[in-house]
Amino acid sequence: MATDLVSPDTERPPETELRYALFGAHGCSVAMASVPYLLADGYPGAARFLAAGEPLPMGVQPVIVADTTVYGAVGVERLVQFWAPNLPRPWVVLTSEAPIPAPADARFRIRALGARLAGTVTLPYLPVLRTVESPAEAVEHKAVRAAAARLRRLLEGN
């Protein structure tokens, strides 16, 4: 029986470390599904939604993703209500589904949670998301890249 040895020049490239652990506050829209691609900045694996029951890895920034609707705000409120005090405070990324401001009730709910959050970022309405076949394809558009850069800058505090 022969065994194949892997030479050093064929080693696997190092995998990117997870930086952002995403939690969906409710269902999923194309805008919500694009958030991992926006945060990854070209490094696959830097941001992903955690599976149900999967623990939050050490040193990873938790991010709750929701739409700018009252239903989305209620989902965020439910997640934050049961957030363990020993975990880092999560960021909230709100995705706009229309070119109008969030309803007042949604804004008030999110604002009331402010002390329990690391911060809140609202992604602008990106009409191009309605024309793409997959969230990964959206990152090719200039407006989406600009929104991604702004999102990363705000979450990283730069």
N, C-alpha and C. Protein backbone atom coordinates (compact mmCIF):
# COMPACT_ATOMS: atom_id res chain seq x y z
N MET A 1 0.84 -1.17 0.00
CA MET A 1 0.00 0.00 0.00
C MET A 1 0.89 1.23 0.00
N ALA A 2 0.65 2.10 -0.94
CA ALA A 2 1.44 3.33 -1.05
C ALA A 2 0.69 4.48 -0.41
N THR A 3 1.44 5.35 0.18
CA THR A 3 0.84 6.56 0.71
C THR A 3 1.40 7.74 -0.04
N ASP A 4 0.55 8.68 -0.33
CA ASP A 4 0.99 9.89 -1.02
C ASP A 4 1.34 10.94 0.01
N LEU A 5 2.50 11.49 -0.11
CA LEU A 5 2.92 12.57 0.76
C LEU A 5 2.61 13.89 0.09
N VAL A 6 2.23 14.85 0.87
CA VAL A 6 1.93 16.18 0.34
C VAL A 6 3.19 17.01 0.48
N SER A 7 3.69 17.49 -0.63
CA SER A 7 4.90 18.30 -0.59
C SER A 7 4.56 19.69 -0.06
N PRO A 8 5.55 20.37 0.51
CA PRO A 8 5.28 21.69 1.11
C PRO A 8 4.71 22.70 0.11
N ASP A 9 5.04 22.57 -1.17
CA ASP A 9 4.54 23.56 -2.13
C ASP A 9 3.08 23.33 -2.51
N THR A 10 2.47 22.25 -2.07
CA THR A 10 1.06 22.01 -2.36
C THR A 10 0.18 22.09 -1.11
N GLU A 11 0.69 22.69 -0.05
CA GLU A 11 -0.10 22.83 1.16
C GLU A 11 -1.29 23.74 0.90
N ARG A 12 -2.34 23.52 1.68
CA ARG A 12 -3.51 24.38 1.56
C ARG A 12 -3.19 25.78 2.06
N PRO A 13 -3.76 26.78 1.41
CA PRO A 13 -3.54 28.14 1.91
C PRO A 13 -4.24 28.30 3.26
N PRO A 14 -3.71 29.16 4.12
CA PRO A 14 -4.36 29.34 5.42
C PRO A 14 -5.76 29.92 5.23
N GLU A 15 -6.71 29.40 6.00
CA GLU A 15 -8.07 29.90 5.91
C GLU A 15 -8.18 31.21 6.67
N THR A 16 -9.03 32.08 6.17
CA THR A 16 -9.25 33.36 6.81
C THR A 16 -9.98 33.15 8.12
N GLU A 17 -9.54 33.86 9.13
CA GLU A 17 -10.20 33.76 10.42
C GLU A 17 -11.55 34.46 10.38
N LEU A 18 -12.48 33.92 11.13
CA LEU A 18 -13.79 34.52 11.26
C LEU A 18 -13.66 35.80 12.07
N ARG A 19 -14.14 36.91 11.52
CA ARG A 19 -14.09 38.20 12.23
C ARG A 19 -15.46 38.63 12.71
N TYR A 20 -16.49 38.29 11.92
CA TYR A 20 -17.86 38.71 12.22
C TYR A 20 -18.78 37.50 12.23
N ALA A 21 -19.43 37.27 13.36
CA ALA A 21 -20.42 36.20 13.48
C ALA A 21 -21.79 36.86 13.34
N LEU A 22 -22.53 36.46 12.33
CA LEU A 22 -23.81 37.09 12.03
C LEU A 22 -24.97 36.28 12.57
N PHE A 23 -25.97 36.99 13.05
CA PHE A 23 -27.20 36.39 13.56
C PHE A 23 -28.36 37.06 12.83
N GLY A 24 -29.20 36.28 12.19
CA GLY A 24 -30.38 36.83 11.53
C GLY A 24 -31.48 37.04 12.55
N ALA A 25 -32.04 38.24 12.60
CA ALA A 25 -33.09 38.55 13.56
C ALA A 25 -34.43 37.96 13.12
N HIS A 26 -34.58 37.67 11.86
CA HIS A 26 -35.81 37.10 11.30
C HIS A 26 -35.46 36.53 9.95
N GLY A 27 -36.35 35.93 9.23
CA GLY A 27 -36.16 35.36 7.89
C GLY A 27 -34.92 35.86 7.17
N CYS A 28 -34.97 35.91 5.87
CA CYS A 28 -33.81 36.37 5.12
C CYS A 28 -34.26 37.05 3.83
N SER A 29 -33.64 38.16 3.53
CA SER A 29 -33.86 38.86 2.27
C SER A 29 -32.53 38.91 1.54
N VAL A 30 -32.54 39.31 0.29
CA VAL A 30 -31.28 39.39 -0.45
C VAL A 30 -30.35 40.42 0.18
N ALA A 31 -30.90 41.49 0.74
CA ALA A 31 -30.07 42.49 1.41
C ALA A 31 -29.39 41.89 2.64
N MET A 32 -30.15 41.11 3.41
CA MET A 32 -29.57 40.47 4.59
C MET A 32 -28.53 39.43 4.19
N ALA A 33 -28.82 38.68 3.13
CA ALA A 33 -27.89 37.64 2.67
C ALA A 33 -26.61 38.23 2.10
N SER A 34 -26.63 39.49 1.71
CA SER A 34 -25.42 40.10 1.15
C SER A 34 -24.47 40.63 2.22
N VAL A 35 -24.94 40.77 3.45
CA VAL A 35 -24.11 41.33 4.52
C VAL A 35 -22.81 40.54 4.74
N PRO A 36 -22.80 39.20 4.74
CA PRO A 36 -21.51 38.50 4.90
C PRO A 36 -20.51 38.87 3.79
N TYR A 37 -20.99 39.06 2.58
CA TYR A 37 -20.11 39.43 1.47
C TYR A 37 -19.60 40.85 1.63
N LEU A 38 -20.45 41.73 2.18
CA LEU A 38 -20.03 43.11 2.39
C LEU A 38 -18.96 43.20 3.48
N LEU A 39 -19.10 42.40 4.51
CA LEU A 39 -18.14 42.43 5.61
C LEU A 39 -16.86 41.65 5.32
N ALA A 40 -16.92 40.67 4.43
CA ALA A 40 -15.77 39.81 4.18
C ALA A 40 -14.64 40.54 3.47
N ASP A 41 -14.94 41.56 2.71
CA ASP A 41 -13.93 42.35 2.00
C ASP A 41 -13.02 41.47 1.15
N GLY A 42 -13.61 40.51 0.45
CA GLY A 42 -12.82 39.65 -0.43
C GLY A 42 -12.14 38.49 0.25
N TYR A 43 -12.32 38.33 1.55
CA TYR A 43 -11.72 37.22 2.29
C TYR A 43 -12.81 36.23 2.68
N PRO A 44 -13.04 35.19 1.87
CA PRO A 44 -14.10 34.24 2.20
C PRO A 44 -13.89 33.67 3.60
N GLY A 45 -14.95 33.59 4.35
CA GLY A 45 -14.86 33.05 5.70
C GLY A 45 -14.66 34.09 6.77
N ALA A 46 -14.48 35.36 6.41
CA ALA A 46 -14.27 36.41 7.41
C ALA A 46 -15.58 36.78 8.11
N ALA A 47 -16.70 36.53 7.45
CA ALA A 47 -18.01 36.82 8.03
C ALA A 47 -18.99 35.76 7.55
N ARG A 48 -19.79 35.25 8.50
CA ARG A 48 -20.80 34.26 8.12
C ARG A 48 -21.87 34.19 9.21
N PHE A 49 -23.05 33.73 8.79
CA PHE A 49 -24.13 33.50 9.75
C PHE A 49 -23.80 32.24 10.55
N LEU A 50 -23.95 32.30 11.85
CA LEU A 50 -23.73 31.13 12.69
C LEU A 50 -24.95 30.22 12.62
N ALA A 51 -24.71 28.94 12.68
CA ALA A 51 -25.80 27.96 12.69
C ALA A 51 -26.50 28.01 14.05
N ALA A 52 -27.73 27.56 14.09
CA ALA A 52 -28.49 27.52 15.35
C ALA A 52 -27.74 26.68 16.37
N GLY A 53 -27.52 27.23 17.55
CA GLY A 53 -26.83 26.50 18.62
C GLY A 53 -25.32 26.55 18.54
N GLU A 54 -24.76 27.11 17.48
CA GLU A 54 -23.31 27.20 17.36
C GLU A 54 -22.78 28.28 18.30
N PRO A 55 -21.74 27.97 19.07
CA PRO A 55 -21.22 28.98 20.02
C PRO A 55 -20.49 30.11 19.31
N LEU A 56 -20.47 31.24 19.95
CA LEU A 56 -19.75 32.40 19.44
C LEU A 56 -18.26 32.20 19.70
N PRO A 57 -17.42 32.14 18.67
CA PRO A 57 -15.98 31.96 18.88
C PRO A 57 -15.37 33.16 19.60
N MET A 58 -14.31 32.90 20.33
CA MET A 58 -13.60 33.97 21.06
C MET A 58 -13.04 35.00 20.08
N GLY A 59 -13.13 36.26 20.43
CA GLY A 59 -12.53 37.32 19.64
C GLY A 59 -13.30 37.69 18.39
N VAL A 60 -14.49 37.16 18.21
CA VAL A 60 -15.29 37.44 17.02
C VAL A 60 -16.38 38.44 17.38
N GLN A 61 -16.57 39.44 16.53
CA GLN A 61 -17.58 40.47 16.76
C GLN A 61 -18.96 39.96 16.36
N PRO A 62 -19.92 39.90 17.29
CA PRO A 62 -21.27 39.49 16.92
C PRO A 62 -22.01 40.62 16.21
N VAL A 63 -22.77 40.26 15.18
CA VAL A 63 -23.53 41.23 14.40
C VAL A 63 -24.93 40.67 14.17
N ILE A 64 -25.94 41.41 14.58
CA ILE A 64 -27.33 41.02 14.33
C ILE A 64 -27.76 41.74 13.07
N VAL A 65 -28.35 40.99 12.14
CA VAL A 65 -28.78 41.55 10.86
C VAL A 65 -30.30 41.49 10.77
N ALA A 66 -30.92 42.61 10.40
CA ALA A 66 -32.38 42.68 10.27
C ALA A 66 -32.76 43.71 9.23
N ASP A 67 -33.99 43.63 8.77
CA ASP A 67 -34.52 44.65 7.86
C ASP A 67 -34.99 45.85 8.67
N THR A 68 -35.15 46.99 8.00
CA THR A 68 -35.61 48.21 8.67
C THR A 68 -37.13 48.24 8.71
N THR A 69 -37.70 47.22 9.31
CA THR A 69 -39.15 47.12 9.48
C THR A 69 -39.44 46.94 10.96
N VAL A 70 -40.69 47.10 11.34
CA VAL A 70 -41.06 46.86 12.73
C VAL A 70 -40.83 45.38 13.07
N TYR A 71 -41.13 44.50 12.13
CA TYR A 71 -40.90 43.07 12.33
C TYR A 71 -39.41 42.80 12.57
N GLY A 72 -38.54 43.46 11.81
CA GLY A 72 -37.10 43.31 12.01
C GLY A 72 -36.66 43.84 13.36
N ALA A 73 -37.21 44.97 13.77
CA ALA A 73 -36.86 45.56 15.06
C ALA A 73 -37.31 44.66 16.22
N VAL A 74 -38.48 44.04 16.08
CA VAL A 74 -38.96 43.10 17.11
C VAL A 74 -38.02 41.90 17.19
N GLY A 75 -37.55 41.42 16.03
CA GLY A 75 -36.60 40.31 16.02
C GLY A 75 -35.30 40.67 16.72
N VAL A 76 -34.80 41.88 16.49
CA VAL A 76 -33.59 42.35 17.16
C VAL A 76 -33.83 42.42 18.66
N GLU A 77 -34.98 42.97 19.03
CA GLU A 77 -35.32 43.09 20.45
C GLU A 77 -35.34 41.73 21.14
N ARG A 78 -35.90 40.73 20.49
CA ARG A 78 -35.95 39.38 21.07
C ARG A 78 -34.56 38.78 21.24
N LEU A 79 -33.70 38.97 20.24
CA LEU A 79 -32.34 38.45 20.35
C LEU A 79 -31.57 39.13 21.48
N VAL A 80 -31.68 40.44 21.56
CA VAL A 80 -30.94 41.20 22.58
C VAL A 80 -31.48 40.89 23.97
N GLN A 81 -32.76 40.63 24.07
CA GLN A 81 -33.38 40.32 25.35
C GLN A 81 -32.74 39.09 25.99
N PHE A 82 -32.34 38.11 25.17
CA PHE A 82 -31.76 36.88 25.70
C PHE A 82 -30.24 36.83 25.51
N TRP A 83 -29.62 37.95 25.20
CA TRP A 83 -28.17 38.00 24.98
C TRP A 83 -27.47 37.83 26.32
N ALA A 84 -26.54 36.90 26.38
CA ALA A 84 -25.82 36.62 27.63
C ALA A 84 -24.93 37.82 27.99
N PRO A 85 -24.95 38.23 29.24
CA PRO A 85 -24.16 39.40 29.64
C PRO A 85 -22.65 39.22 29.53
N ASN A 86 -22.19 37.97 29.47
CA ASN A 86 -20.74 37.74 29.38
C ASN A 86 -20.25 37.78 27.93
N LEU A 87 -21.15 37.89 26.96
CA LEU A 87 -20.76 38.00 25.55
C LEU A 87 -20.56 39.46 25.17
N PRO A 88 -19.73 39.72 24.16
CA PRO A 88 -19.57 41.11 23.71
C PRO A 88 -20.90 41.65 23.19
N ARG A 89 -21.10 42.95 23.39
CA ARG A 89 -22.32 43.57 22.89
C ARG A 89 -22.34 43.48 21.36
N PRO A 90 -23.48 43.13 20.79
CA PRO A 90 -23.53 42.98 19.33
C PRO A 90 -23.75 44.31 18.60
N TRP A 91 -23.28 44.37 17.39
CA TRP A 91 -23.65 45.43 16.47
C TRP A 91 -24.96 45.04 15.83
N VAL A 92 -25.72 46.00 15.37
CA VAL A 92 -26.93 45.73 14.61
C VAL A 92 -26.77 46.37 13.24
N VAL A 93 -26.95 45.57 12.20
CA VAL A 93 -26.92 46.07 10.83
C VAL A 93 -28.34 45.96 10.31
N LEU A 94 -28.92 47.11 9.99
CA LEU A 94 -30.27 47.18 9.46
C LEU A 94 -30.18 47.38 7.95
N THR A 95 -30.88 46.56 7.20
CA THR A 95 -30.85 46.64 5.74
C THR A 95 -32.14 47.27 5.25
N SER A 96 -32.01 48.30 4.43
CA SER A 96 -33.17 49.00 3.89
C SER A 96 -33.74 48.25 2.71
N GLU A 97 -35.03 48.01 2.74
CA GLU A 97 -35.71 47.29 1.67
C GLU A 97 -36.43 48.24 0.72
N ALA A 98 -36.43 49.51 1.02
CA ALA A 98 -37.10 50.50 0.18
C ALA A 98 -36.39 51.84 0.36
N PRO A 99 -36.53 52.74 -0.61
CA PRO A 99 -35.84 54.05 -0.51
C PRO A 99 -36.59 55.05 0.38
N ILE A 100 -37.09 54.56 1.51
CA ILE A 100 -37.78 55.41 2.47
C ILE A 100 -37.20 55.13 3.85
N PRO A 101 -37.36 56.06 4.78
CA PRO A 101 -36.84 55.83 6.14
C PRO A 101 -37.58 54.67 6.82
N ALA A 102 -36.94 54.13 7.82
CA ALA A 102 -37.56 53.07 8.63
C ALA A 102 -38.79 53.64 9.33
N PRO A 103 -39.81 52.83 9.58
CA PRO A 103 -40.98 53.31 10.33
C PRO A 103 -40.57 53.80 11.72
N ALA A 104 -41.31 54.76 12.22
CA ALA A 104 -40.99 55.34 13.54
C ALA A 104 -40.94 54.28 14.63
N ASP A 105 -41.88 53.35 14.64
CA ASP A 105 -41.88 52.31 15.67
C ASP A 105 -40.61 51.48 15.63
N ALA A 106 -40.10 51.18 14.43
CA ALA A 106 -38.86 50.41 14.30
C ALA A 106 -37.68 51.22 14.83
N ARG A 107 -37.61 52.49 14.46
CA ARG A 107 -36.51 53.35 14.93
C ARG A 107 -36.52 53.47 16.46
N PHE A 108 -37.71 53.64 17.05
CA PHE A 108 -37.81 53.79 18.50
C PHE A 108 -37.38 52.52 19.23
N ARG A 109 -37.78 51.36 18.71
CA ARG A 109 -37.39 50.09 19.34
C ARG A 109 -35.87 49.91 19.33
N ILE A 110 -35.27 50.17 18.18
CA ILE A 110 -33.81 50.02 18.06
C ILE A 110 -33.10 51.03 18.96
N ARG A 111 -33.59 52.27 18.97
CA ARG A 111 -32.98 53.29 19.82
C ARG A 111 -33.08 52.92 21.30
N ALA A 112 -34.18 52.31 21.72
CA ALA A 112 -34.36 51.91 23.11
C ALA A 112 -33.36 50.82 23.52
N LEU A 113 -32.87 50.06 22.55
CA LEU A 113 -31.90 48.99 22.84
C LEU A 113 -30.46 49.51 22.84
N GLY A 114 -30.26 50.77 22.53
CA GLY A 114 -28.93 51.34 22.32
C GLY A 114 -27.89 51.01 23.37
N ALA A 115 -28.25 51.02 24.65
CA ALA A 115 -27.28 50.76 25.71
C ALA A 115 -26.81 49.31 25.72
N ARG A 116 -27.57 48.42 25.11
CA ARG A 116 -27.21 47.00 25.10
C ARG A 116 -26.51 46.59 23.82
N LEU A 117 -26.25 47.57 22.93
CA LEU A 117 -25.64 47.30 21.64
C LEU A 117 -24.29 47.99 21.52
N ALA A 118 -23.41 47.43 20.71
CA ALA A 118 -22.14 48.09 20.41
C ALA A 118 -22.38 49.27 19.47
N GLY A 119 -23.43 49.18 18.67
CA GLY A 119 -23.78 50.25 17.75
C GLY A 119 -24.78 49.75 16.73
N THR A 120 -25.28 50.69 15.94
CA THR A 120 -26.25 50.37 14.92
C THR A 120 -25.82 51.02 13.61
N VAL A 121 -25.90 50.26 12.53
CA VAL A 121 -25.57 50.76 11.20
C VAL A 121 -26.74 50.43 10.28
N THR A 122 -27.16 51.40 9.49
CA THR A 122 -28.21 51.16 8.52
C THR A 122 -27.61 51.18 7.13
N LEU A 123 -27.77 50.06 6.42
CA LEU A 123 -27.33 50.02 5.03
C LEU A 123 -28.37 50.75 4.19
N PRO A 124 -27.93 51.57 3.27
CA PRO A 124 -28.90 52.28 2.43
C PRO A 124 -29.61 51.32 1.48
N TYR A 125 -30.71 51.78 0.94
CA TYR A 125 -31.41 50.99 -0.07
C TYR A 125 -30.50 50.88 -1.29
N LEU A 126 -30.25 49.67 -1.73
CA LEU A 126 -29.39 49.42 -2.89
C LEU A 126 -30.24 48.78 -3.98
N PRO A 127 -30.73 49.57 -4.95
CA PRO A 127 -31.60 49.02 -5.98
C PRO A 127 -30.97 47.88 -6.76
N VAL A 128 -29.66 47.86 -6.87
CA VAL A 128 -28.99 46.81 -7.63
C VAL A 128 -29.23 45.43 -7.03
N LEU A 129 -29.55 45.36 -5.74
CA LEU A 129 -29.80 44.06 -5.10
C LEU A 129 -31.05 43.39 -5.68
N ARG A 130 -31.92 44.17 -6.29
CA ARG A 130 -33.12 43.59 -6.90
C ARG A 130 -32.82 42.99 -8.27
N THR A 131 -31.62 43.24 -8.80
CA THR A 131 -31.30 42.79 -10.16
C THR A 131 -30.29 41.66 -10.21
N VAL A 132 -29.75 41.25 -9.08
CA VAL A 132 -28.70 40.23 -9.08
C VAL A 132 -29.28 38.85 -8.80
N GLU A 133 -28.57 37.83 -9.28
CA GLU A 133 -29.01 36.46 -9.05
C GLU A 133 -28.54 35.91 -7.71
N SER A 134 -27.43 36.45 -7.19
CA SER A 134 -26.92 35.98 -5.90
C SER A 134 -26.29 37.16 -5.16
N PRO A 135 -26.22 37.07 -3.83
CA PRO A 135 -25.60 38.15 -3.05
C PRO A 135 -24.13 38.36 -3.42
N ALA A 136 -23.43 37.29 -3.80
CA ALA A 136 -22.01 37.43 -4.15
C ALA A 136 -21.85 38.30 -5.39
N GLU A 137 -22.80 38.22 -6.30
CA GLU A 137 -22.75 39.01 -7.53
C GLU A 137 -22.94 40.51 -7.25
N ALA A 138 -23.62 40.83 -6.18
CA ALA A 138 -23.91 42.23 -5.86
C ALA A 138 -22.64 43.03 -5.57
N VAL A 139 -21.63 42.39 -5.02
CA VAL A 139 -20.41 43.08 -4.61
C VAL A 139 -19.64 43.64 -5.81
N GLU A 140 -19.98 43.20 -7.00
CA GLU A 140 -19.31 43.70 -8.20
C GLU A 140 -19.75 45.12 -8.56
N HIS A 141 -20.84 45.61 -7.98
CA HIS A 141 -21.38 46.92 -8.33
C HIS A 141 -20.78 48.01 -7.44
N LYS A 142 -20.55 49.15 -8.04
CA LYS A 142 -19.88 50.27 -7.37
C LYS A 142 -20.63 50.73 -6.11
N ALA A 143 -21.95 50.88 -6.19
CA ALA A 143 -22.73 51.35 -5.04
C ALA A 143 -22.64 50.36 -3.88
N VAL A 144 -22.63 49.08 -4.19
CA VAL A 144 -22.55 48.06 -3.14
C VAL A 144 -21.15 48.06 -2.51
N ARG A 145 -20.12 48.22 -3.32
CA ARG A 145 -18.75 48.29 -2.76
C ARG A 145 -18.61 49.50 -1.85
N ALA A 146 -19.21 50.63 -2.23
CA ALA A 146 -19.14 51.83 -1.38
C ALA A 146 -19.87 51.60 -0.06
N ALA A 147 -21.04 50.96 -0.11
CA ALA A 147 -21.78 50.66 1.11
C ALA A 147 -21.01 49.67 1.98
N ALA A 148 -20.33 48.71 1.35
CA ALA A 148 -19.53 47.73 2.09
C ALA A 148 -18.36 48.41 2.80
N ALA A 149 -17.69 49.30 2.12
CA ALA A 149 -16.56 50.01 2.74
C ALA A 149 -17.03 50.84 3.93
N ARG A 150 -18.16 51.51 3.79
CA ARG A 150 -18.71 52.32 4.88
C ARG A 150 -19.09 51.41 6.05
N LEU A 151 -19.73 50.27 5.76
CA LEU A 151 -20.13 49.34 6.80
C LEU A 151 -18.92 48.84 7.58
N ARG A 152 -17.89 48.40 6.88
CA ARG A 152 -16.68 47.90 7.57
C ARG A 152 -16.02 49.00 8.38
N ARG A 153 -15.97 50.20 7.81
CA ARG A 153 -15.35 51.34 8.52
C ARG A 153 -16.08 51.63 9.82
N LEU A 154 -17.40 51.60 9.80
CA LEU A 154 -18.18 51.89 11.01
C LEU A 154 -18.04 50.78 12.06
N LEU A 155 -18.05 49.52 11.62
CA LEU A 155 -17.93 48.41 12.57
C LEU A 155 -16.54 48.32 13.17
N GLU A 156 -15.54 48.73 12.41
CA GLU A 156 -14.16 48.65 12.90
C GLU A 156 -13.74 49.92 13.64
N GLY A 157 -14.61 50.93 13.64
CA GLY A 157 -14.34 52.15 14.40
C GLY A 157 -13.33 53.06 13.76
N ASN A 158 -13.14 52.98 12.45
CA ASN A 158 -12.18 53.85 11.76
C ASN A 158 -12.86 55.04 11.14
